N, C-alpha and C. Protein backbone atom coordinates (compact mmCIF):
# COMPACT_ATOMS: atom_id res chain seq x y z
N MET A 1 10.80 -17.03 -25.58
CA MET A 1 9.68 -16.31 -26.14
C MET A 1 10.13 -14.91 -26.51
N LYS A 2 9.89 -14.54 -27.74
CA LYS A 2 10.22 -13.20 -28.20
C LYS A 2 8.93 -12.38 -28.20
N VAL A 3 8.99 -11.22 -27.57
CA VAL A 3 7.81 -10.36 -27.45
C VAL A 3 8.08 -9.05 -28.17
N ASP A 4 7.15 -8.67 -29.00
CA ASP A 4 7.22 -7.37 -29.65
C ASP A 4 6.67 -6.34 -28.65
N LEU A 5 7.45 -5.35 -28.31
CA LEU A 5 7.04 -4.38 -27.29
C LEU A 5 5.85 -3.53 -27.72
N GLU A 6 5.69 -3.28 -28.98
CA GLU A 6 4.52 -2.54 -29.44
C GLU A 6 3.26 -3.38 -29.24
N ASP A 7 3.35 -4.68 -29.54
CA ASP A 7 2.21 -5.57 -29.30
C ASP A 7 1.91 -5.65 -27.81
N TYR A 8 2.97 -5.69 -27.01
CA TYR A 8 2.77 -5.75 -25.56
C TYR A 8 2.11 -4.47 -25.05
N ARG A 9 2.53 -3.32 -25.58
CA ARG A 9 1.90 -2.06 -25.22
C ARG A 9 0.41 -2.10 -25.53
N ASP A 10 0.06 -2.58 -26.70
CA ASP A 10 -1.36 -2.68 -27.08
C ASP A 10 -2.10 -3.64 -26.15
N PHE A 11 -1.46 -4.73 -25.77
CA PHE A 11 -2.06 -5.68 -24.84
C PHE A 11 -2.31 -5.01 -23.49
N VAL A 12 -1.32 -4.29 -22.99
CA VAL A 12 -1.46 -3.61 -21.70
C VAL A 12 -2.65 -2.65 -21.74
N VAL A 13 -2.76 -1.88 -22.79
CA VAL A 13 -3.88 -0.95 -22.92
C VAL A 13 -5.21 -1.71 -22.96
N SER A 14 -5.23 -2.85 -23.62
CA SER A 14 -6.48 -3.60 -23.76
C SER A 14 -6.97 -4.20 -22.44
N VAL A 15 -6.08 -4.36 -21.48
CA VAL A 15 -6.48 -4.94 -20.19
C VAL A 15 -6.44 -3.89 -19.07
N THR A 16 -6.52 -2.62 -19.44
CA THR A 16 -6.50 -1.52 -18.49
C THR A 16 -7.87 -0.85 -18.45
N SER A 17 -8.33 -0.49 -17.26
CA SER A 17 -9.65 0.12 -17.11
C SER A 17 -9.72 1.48 -17.80
N GLU A 18 -10.92 1.85 -18.17
CA GLU A 18 -11.14 3.16 -18.78
C GLU A 18 -10.79 4.28 -17.79
N GLU A 19 -11.01 4.04 -16.50
CA GLU A 19 -10.69 5.04 -15.48
C GLU A 19 -9.19 5.30 -15.41
N SER A 20 -8.40 4.29 -15.78
CA SER A 20 -6.94 4.46 -15.80
C SER A 20 -6.46 5.12 -17.09
N LEU A 21 -7.23 4.99 -18.14
CA LEU A 21 -6.79 5.47 -19.45
C LEU A 21 -7.34 6.85 -19.84
N ARG A 22 -8.51 7.18 -19.33
CA ARG A 22 -9.20 8.37 -19.80
C ARG A 22 -9.46 9.34 -18.65
N HIS A 23 -8.98 10.56 -18.83
CA HIS A 23 -9.15 11.59 -17.81
C HIS A 23 -10.62 11.76 -17.45
N SER A 24 -11.48 11.85 -18.45
CA SER A 24 -12.90 12.08 -18.18
C SER A 24 -13.51 10.92 -17.38
N LYS A 25 -13.10 9.69 -17.68
CA LYS A 25 -13.62 8.54 -16.93
C LYS A 25 -13.09 8.55 -15.49
N PHE A 26 -11.83 8.97 -15.33
CA PHE A 26 -11.25 9.08 -13.99
C PHE A 26 -12.02 10.12 -13.18
N ILE A 27 -12.28 11.28 -13.76
CA ILE A 27 -13.02 12.34 -13.07
C ILE A 27 -14.43 11.86 -12.74
N ASP A 28 -15.09 11.18 -13.69
CA ASP A 28 -16.42 10.64 -13.44
C ASP A 28 -16.40 9.66 -12.27
N ARG A 29 -15.40 8.80 -12.25
CA ARG A 29 -15.30 7.82 -11.16
C ARG A 29 -15.06 8.51 -9.82
N MET A 30 -14.16 9.47 -9.80
CA MET A 30 -13.89 10.20 -8.56
C MET A 30 -15.15 10.93 -8.09
N SER A 31 -15.88 11.52 -9.03
CA SER A 31 -17.13 12.20 -8.67
C SER A 31 -18.14 11.20 -8.13
N GLY A 32 -18.23 10.04 -8.76
CA GLY A 32 -19.16 9.01 -8.30
C GLY A 32 -18.82 8.50 -6.90
N LEU A 33 -17.54 8.46 -6.57
CA LEU A 33 -17.13 7.99 -5.24
C LEU A 33 -17.56 8.96 -4.15
N ALA A 34 -17.81 10.20 -4.52
CA ALA A 34 -18.21 11.21 -3.53
C ALA A 34 -19.60 10.94 -2.97
N TYR A 35 -20.39 10.17 -3.70
CA TYR A 35 -21.76 9.87 -3.26
C TYR A 35 -21.79 8.48 -2.65
N ARG A 36 -21.90 8.45 -1.34
CA ARG A 36 -21.81 7.22 -0.58
C ARG A 36 -23.19 6.61 -0.41
N LYS A 37 -23.25 5.31 -0.61
CA LYS A 37 -24.48 4.57 -0.33
C LYS A 37 -24.59 4.39 1.18
N ILE A 38 -25.78 4.16 1.65
CA ILE A 38 -26.02 4.04 3.10
C ILE A 38 -25.16 2.96 3.75
N ASP A 39 -24.96 1.83 3.08
CA ASP A 39 -24.22 0.72 3.69
C ASP A 39 -22.71 0.80 3.45
N GLU A 40 -22.23 1.88 2.85
CA GLU A 40 -20.80 2.03 2.60
C GLU A 40 -20.14 2.88 3.68
N PRO A 41 -18.92 2.53 4.07
CA PRO A 41 -18.22 3.38 5.05
C PRO A 41 -17.85 4.72 4.44
N GLU A 42 -17.72 5.71 5.29
CA GLU A 42 -17.32 7.04 4.84
C GLU A 42 -15.82 7.02 4.53
N VAL A 43 -15.48 7.45 3.33
CA VAL A 43 -14.08 7.45 2.88
C VAL A 43 -13.79 8.79 2.22
N ASN A 44 -12.65 9.38 2.55
CA ASN A 44 -12.18 10.59 1.89
C ASN A 44 -11.26 10.13 0.75
N TRP A 45 -11.83 9.99 -0.45
CA TRP A 45 -11.10 9.40 -1.56
C TRP A 45 -9.87 10.20 -2.00
N PRO A 46 -9.93 11.52 -2.12
CA PRO A 46 -8.70 12.24 -2.50
C PRO A 46 -7.58 12.02 -1.47
N GLN A 47 -7.92 12.05 -0.19
CA GLN A 47 -6.91 11.84 0.84
C GLN A 47 -6.40 10.40 0.80
N LEU A 48 -7.29 9.44 0.53
CA LEU A 48 -6.87 8.04 0.46
C LEU A 48 -5.94 7.80 -0.73
N LEU A 49 -6.21 8.45 -1.85
CA LEU A 49 -5.33 8.36 -3.00
C LEU A 49 -3.96 8.96 -2.69
N THR A 50 -3.96 10.11 -2.02
CA THR A 50 -2.71 10.71 -1.58
C THR A 50 -1.93 9.74 -0.70
N ALA A 51 -2.62 9.11 0.24
CA ALA A 51 -1.97 8.17 1.15
C ALA A 51 -1.41 6.97 0.41
N ALA A 52 -2.19 6.41 -0.52
CA ALA A 52 -1.74 5.22 -1.24
C ALA A 52 -0.49 5.50 -2.07
N ILE A 53 -0.50 6.61 -2.78
CA ILE A 53 0.66 6.96 -3.60
C ILE A 53 1.85 7.31 -2.71
N GLY A 54 1.59 8.08 -1.65
CA GLY A 54 2.67 8.46 -0.74
C GLY A 54 3.28 7.27 -0.02
N LEU A 55 2.45 6.33 0.44
CA LEU A 55 2.97 5.13 1.10
C LEU A 55 3.89 4.36 0.17
N SER A 56 3.46 4.19 -1.05
CA SER A 56 4.27 3.46 -2.02
C SER A 56 5.61 4.15 -2.24
N ALA A 57 5.59 5.45 -2.40
CA ALA A 57 6.82 6.21 -2.64
C ALA A 57 7.76 6.14 -1.43
N GLU A 58 7.21 6.37 -0.25
CA GLU A 58 8.06 6.43 0.94
C GLU A 58 8.59 5.06 1.36
N THR A 59 7.78 4.01 1.20
CA THR A 59 8.31 2.68 1.53
C THR A 59 9.41 2.31 0.54
N GLY A 60 9.27 2.78 -0.71
CA GLY A 60 10.34 2.56 -1.68
C GLY A 60 11.62 3.27 -1.27
N GLU A 61 11.50 4.49 -0.77
CA GLU A 61 12.68 5.22 -0.32
C GLU A 61 13.34 4.54 0.87
N PHE A 62 12.52 4.04 1.80
CA PHE A 62 13.05 3.30 2.95
C PHE A 62 13.75 2.02 2.48
N ALA A 63 13.10 1.28 1.57
CA ALA A 63 13.68 0.04 1.05
C ALA A 63 14.99 0.30 0.32
N GLU A 64 15.09 1.43 -0.36
CA GLU A 64 16.31 1.77 -1.08
C GLU A 64 17.51 1.89 -0.12
N ILE A 65 17.29 2.48 1.04
CA ILE A 65 18.36 2.60 2.04
C ILE A 65 18.81 1.21 2.48
N ILE A 66 17.86 0.35 2.80
CA ILE A 66 18.18 -0.99 3.28
C ILE A 66 18.87 -1.79 2.17
N LYS A 67 18.36 -1.68 0.94
CA LYS A 67 18.96 -2.39 -0.20
C LYS A 67 20.43 -2.01 -0.35
N LYS A 68 20.71 -0.71 -0.28
CA LYS A 68 22.09 -0.27 -0.46
C LYS A 68 22.99 -0.79 0.66
N CYS A 69 22.47 -0.88 1.88
CA CYS A 69 23.27 -1.41 2.99
C CYS A 69 23.55 -2.90 2.80
N ILE A 70 22.56 -3.65 2.39
CA ILE A 70 22.71 -5.09 2.29
C ILE A 70 23.44 -5.51 1.01
N PHE A 71 23.08 -4.93 -0.12
CA PHE A 71 23.58 -5.43 -1.39
C PHE A 71 24.64 -4.57 -2.06
N GLN A 72 24.85 -3.34 -1.58
CA GLN A 72 25.79 -2.46 -2.25
C GLN A 72 26.91 -1.97 -1.33
N GLY A 73 26.98 -2.52 -0.13
CA GLY A 73 28.09 -2.20 0.75
C GLY A 73 27.99 -0.88 1.49
N LYS A 74 26.85 -0.21 1.42
CA LYS A 74 26.70 1.05 2.16
C LYS A 74 26.71 0.72 3.65
N GLU A 75 27.37 1.54 4.41
CA GLU A 75 27.44 1.33 5.86
C GLU A 75 26.21 1.93 6.54
N MET A 76 25.78 1.29 7.61
CA MET A 76 24.69 1.84 8.43
C MET A 76 25.33 2.82 9.41
N THR A 77 25.67 3.97 8.87
CA THR A 77 26.28 5.02 9.70
C THR A 77 25.18 5.73 10.48
N GLU A 78 25.59 6.64 11.31
CA GLU A 78 24.61 7.46 12.03
C GLU A 78 23.73 8.23 11.05
N HIS A 79 24.33 8.72 9.98
CA HIS A 79 23.58 9.47 8.96
C HIS A 79 22.59 8.55 8.23
N THR A 80 23.04 7.35 7.86
CA THR A 80 22.16 6.41 7.16
C THR A 80 21.00 6.01 8.07
N HIS A 81 21.31 5.75 9.33
CA HIS A 81 20.28 5.40 10.31
C HIS A 81 19.27 6.53 10.43
N TYR A 82 19.77 7.75 10.54
CA TYR A 82 18.91 8.94 10.63
C TYR A 82 18.01 9.04 9.40
N HIS A 83 18.59 8.81 8.23
CA HIS A 83 17.83 8.86 6.97
C HIS A 83 16.72 7.80 6.98
N ALA A 84 17.04 6.58 7.44
CA ALA A 84 16.04 5.51 7.52
C ALA A 84 14.91 5.90 8.48
N VAL A 85 15.26 6.47 9.61
CA VAL A 85 14.26 6.89 10.59
C VAL A 85 13.36 7.98 9.98
N ARG A 86 13.93 8.90 9.27
CA ARG A 86 13.14 9.97 8.63
C ARG A 86 12.19 9.40 7.59
N GLU A 87 12.66 8.43 6.82
CA GLU A 87 11.77 7.81 5.82
C GLU A 87 10.64 7.05 6.51
N LEU A 88 10.93 6.38 7.62
CA LEU A 88 9.86 5.72 8.38
C LEU A 88 8.85 6.74 8.90
N GLY A 89 9.34 7.90 9.28
CA GLY A 89 8.44 8.97 9.70
C GLY A 89 7.52 9.39 8.56
N ASP A 90 8.06 9.44 7.34
CA ASP A 90 7.24 9.77 6.18
C ASP A 90 6.20 8.68 5.92
N VAL A 91 6.62 7.41 6.09
CA VAL A 91 5.68 6.29 5.95
C VAL A 91 4.54 6.46 6.95
N MET A 92 4.88 6.78 8.18
CA MET A 92 3.85 6.94 9.21
C MET A 92 2.93 8.12 8.90
N TRP A 93 3.47 9.18 8.33
CA TRP A 93 2.66 10.34 7.99
C TRP A 93 1.60 9.94 6.96
N TYR A 94 2.02 9.23 5.93
CA TYR A 94 1.05 8.79 4.92
C TYR A 94 0.12 7.71 5.47
N TRP A 95 0.62 6.86 6.35
CA TRP A 95 -0.21 5.84 7.00
C TRP A 95 -1.34 6.53 7.77
N MET A 96 -0.99 7.57 8.51
CA MET A 96 -2.01 8.29 9.27
C MET A 96 -2.98 9.02 8.33
N GLN A 97 -2.51 9.47 7.19
CA GLN A 97 -3.42 10.03 6.19
C GLN A 97 -4.46 8.98 5.78
N ALA A 98 -4.02 7.75 5.57
CA ALA A 98 -4.95 6.67 5.19
C ALA A 98 -5.92 6.36 6.32
N VAL A 99 -5.42 6.34 7.55
CA VAL A 99 -6.28 6.10 8.71
C VAL A 99 -7.39 7.16 8.75
N HIS A 100 -7.00 8.41 8.59
CA HIS A 100 -7.97 9.50 8.62
C HIS A 100 -8.94 9.39 7.44
N ALA A 101 -8.41 9.10 6.25
CA ALA A 101 -9.26 9.01 5.05
C ALA A 101 -10.29 7.89 5.17
N LEU A 102 -9.94 6.81 5.85
CA LEU A 102 -10.86 5.68 6.03
C LEU A 102 -11.80 5.88 7.21
N ASN A 103 -11.64 7.01 7.91
CA ASN A 103 -12.51 7.36 9.03
C ASN A 103 -12.46 6.32 10.14
N ILE A 104 -11.24 5.91 10.47
CA ILE A 104 -11.01 4.94 11.54
C ILE A 104 -9.93 5.51 12.47
N THR A 105 -9.61 4.77 13.52
CA THR A 105 -8.53 5.19 14.41
C THR A 105 -7.31 4.30 14.19
N ALA A 106 -6.17 4.83 14.56
CA ALA A 106 -4.93 4.04 14.48
C ALA A 106 -5.05 2.79 15.35
N ASN A 107 -5.68 2.92 16.52
CA ASN A 107 -5.85 1.75 17.39
C ASN A 107 -6.68 0.67 16.72
N GLU A 108 -7.71 1.06 15.97
CA GLU A 108 -8.52 0.06 15.27
C GLU A 108 -7.68 -0.76 14.29
N VAL A 109 -6.76 -0.11 13.60
CA VAL A 109 -5.90 -0.80 12.65
C VAL A 109 -5.02 -1.80 13.39
N ILE A 110 -4.39 -1.36 14.48
CA ILE A 110 -3.49 -2.23 15.24
C ILE A 110 -4.27 -3.38 15.87
N GLU A 111 -5.43 -3.09 16.44
CA GLU A 111 -6.24 -4.13 17.07
C GLU A 111 -6.65 -5.20 16.05
N GLU A 112 -7.03 -4.78 14.84
CA GLU A 112 -7.42 -5.75 13.81
C GLU A 112 -6.22 -6.58 13.36
N THR A 113 -5.06 -5.96 13.28
CA THR A 113 -3.84 -6.70 12.92
C THR A 113 -3.53 -7.75 13.98
N ILE A 114 -3.67 -7.39 15.24
CA ILE A 114 -3.43 -8.35 16.32
C ILE A 114 -4.41 -9.51 16.21
N ARG A 115 -5.70 -9.22 16.01
CA ARG A 115 -6.70 -10.29 15.87
C ARG A 115 -6.35 -11.21 14.70
N LYS A 116 -5.98 -10.62 13.57
CA LYS A 116 -5.65 -11.39 12.38
C LYS A 116 -4.46 -12.31 12.63
N LEU A 117 -3.40 -11.77 13.23
CA LEU A 117 -2.19 -12.55 13.43
C LEU A 117 -2.34 -13.59 14.55
N GLU A 118 -3.12 -13.28 15.58
CA GLU A 118 -3.39 -14.27 16.62
C GLU A 118 -4.16 -15.46 16.06
N ALA A 119 -5.10 -15.18 15.14
CA ALA A 119 -5.85 -16.27 14.51
C ALA A 119 -4.96 -17.07 13.55
N ARG A 120 -4.06 -16.41 12.85
CA ARG A 120 -3.19 -17.07 11.88
C ARG A 120 -2.10 -17.89 12.58
N TYR A 121 -1.59 -17.37 13.69
CA TYR A 121 -0.48 -18.02 14.40
C TYR A 121 -0.85 -18.25 15.86
N PRO A 122 -1.81 -19.13 16.13
CA PRO A 122 -2.28 -19.30 17.52
C PRO A 122 -1.19 -19.78 18.49
N GLY A 123 -0.21 -20.52 18.01
CA GLY A 123 0.86 -20.99 18.88
C GLY A 123 2.17 -20.31 18.62
N GLY A 124 2.15 -19.18 17.92
CA GLY A 124 3.37 -18.51 17.52
C GLY A 124 3.62 -18.72 16.03
N PHE A 125 4.61 -18.08 15.51
CA PHE A 125 4.87 -18.12 14.07
C PHE A 125 5.22 -19.52 13.59
N GLU A 126 4.59 -19.89 12.47
CA GLU A 126 4.92 -21.11 11.74
C GLU A 126 4.89 -20.76 10.26
N ALA A 127 5.98 -21.04 9.56
CA ALA A 127 6.07 -20.67 8.15
C ALA A 127 4.94 -21.28 7.33
N THR A 128 4.54 -22.51 7.65
CA THR A 128 3.47 -23.14 6.87
C THR A 128 2.17 -22.36 6.98
N ARG A 129 1.92 -21.73 8.13
CA ARG A 129 0.69 -20.94 8.29
C ARG A 129 0.76 -19.64 7.49
N SER A 130 1.96 -19.13 7.27
CA SER A 130 2.07 -17.91 6.47
C SER A 130 1.89 -18.22 4.99
N GLU A 131 2.22 -19.41 4.59
CA GLU A 131 2.11 -19.80 3.18
C GLU A 131 0.79 -20.46 2.84
N ASN A 132 0.16 -21.10 3.80
CA ASN A 132 -1.10 -21.84 3.58
C ASN A 132 -2.16 -21.26 4.50
N ARG A 133 -2.82 -20.25 4.03
CA ARG A 133 -3.78 -19.52 4.88
C ARG A 133 -5.16 -20.14 4.83
N GLN A 134 -5.89 -19.92 5.92
CA GLN A 134 -7.28 -20.36 5.98
C GLN A 134 -8.12 -19.46 5.07
N GLU A 135 -9.25 -19.97 4.63
CA GLU A 135 -10.16 -19.16 3.81
C GLU A 135 -10.57 -17.92 4.56
N GLY A 136 -10.53 -16.79 3.89
CA GLY A 136 -10.89 -15.51 4.51
C GLY A 136 -9.73 -14.80 5.17
N ASP A 137 -8.58 -15.47 5.29
CA ASP A 137 -7.39 -14.85 5.91
C ASP A 137 -6.64 -14.12 4.82
N ILE A 138 -6.80 -12.79 4.81
CA ILE A 138 -6.13 -11.98 3.78
C ILE A 138 -4.99 -11.21 4.37
C-alpha cells in the first residue's frame, strides 16, 4: 500500500478532536473541567496533565536506559544503575503528582491494584488470564 503523506496528514486532522487542534477549544475545555458536577470526583486538571506528560517522558527515559543495555551493548555499570534509579525517582515524582491531582492516597492506588490482580490471578499468574480478561477487568 502506497500512502501519500499529505493525504495522511489531512486524515489525521480529520479524526482529531477540536480540543487538540484549536487553542480556544482547549482553553474552553480546561475551563469547563474546572466546574465539577456533584457526582464527579475532585480532580486538579492542570496537575493531572503535568503528571500524565511527565510520566510519559520519564518512563521513556527509564526505558531508554534498559533498551541500550539489552539491545545496544551498554553495560549496567554503577553509573548506569544510578541513572536508572534516578529516572525511577522521576517516575515516582510524577506518579505522586497524579495521586495528588486525583485527590486519592498512594495506598488507595496500591490497594486497588492488589484487588485487581488477585481477582485476575486467583491462583497465581497464568498467561491466559493476562490475555483473556473477564468483562470489566481493565
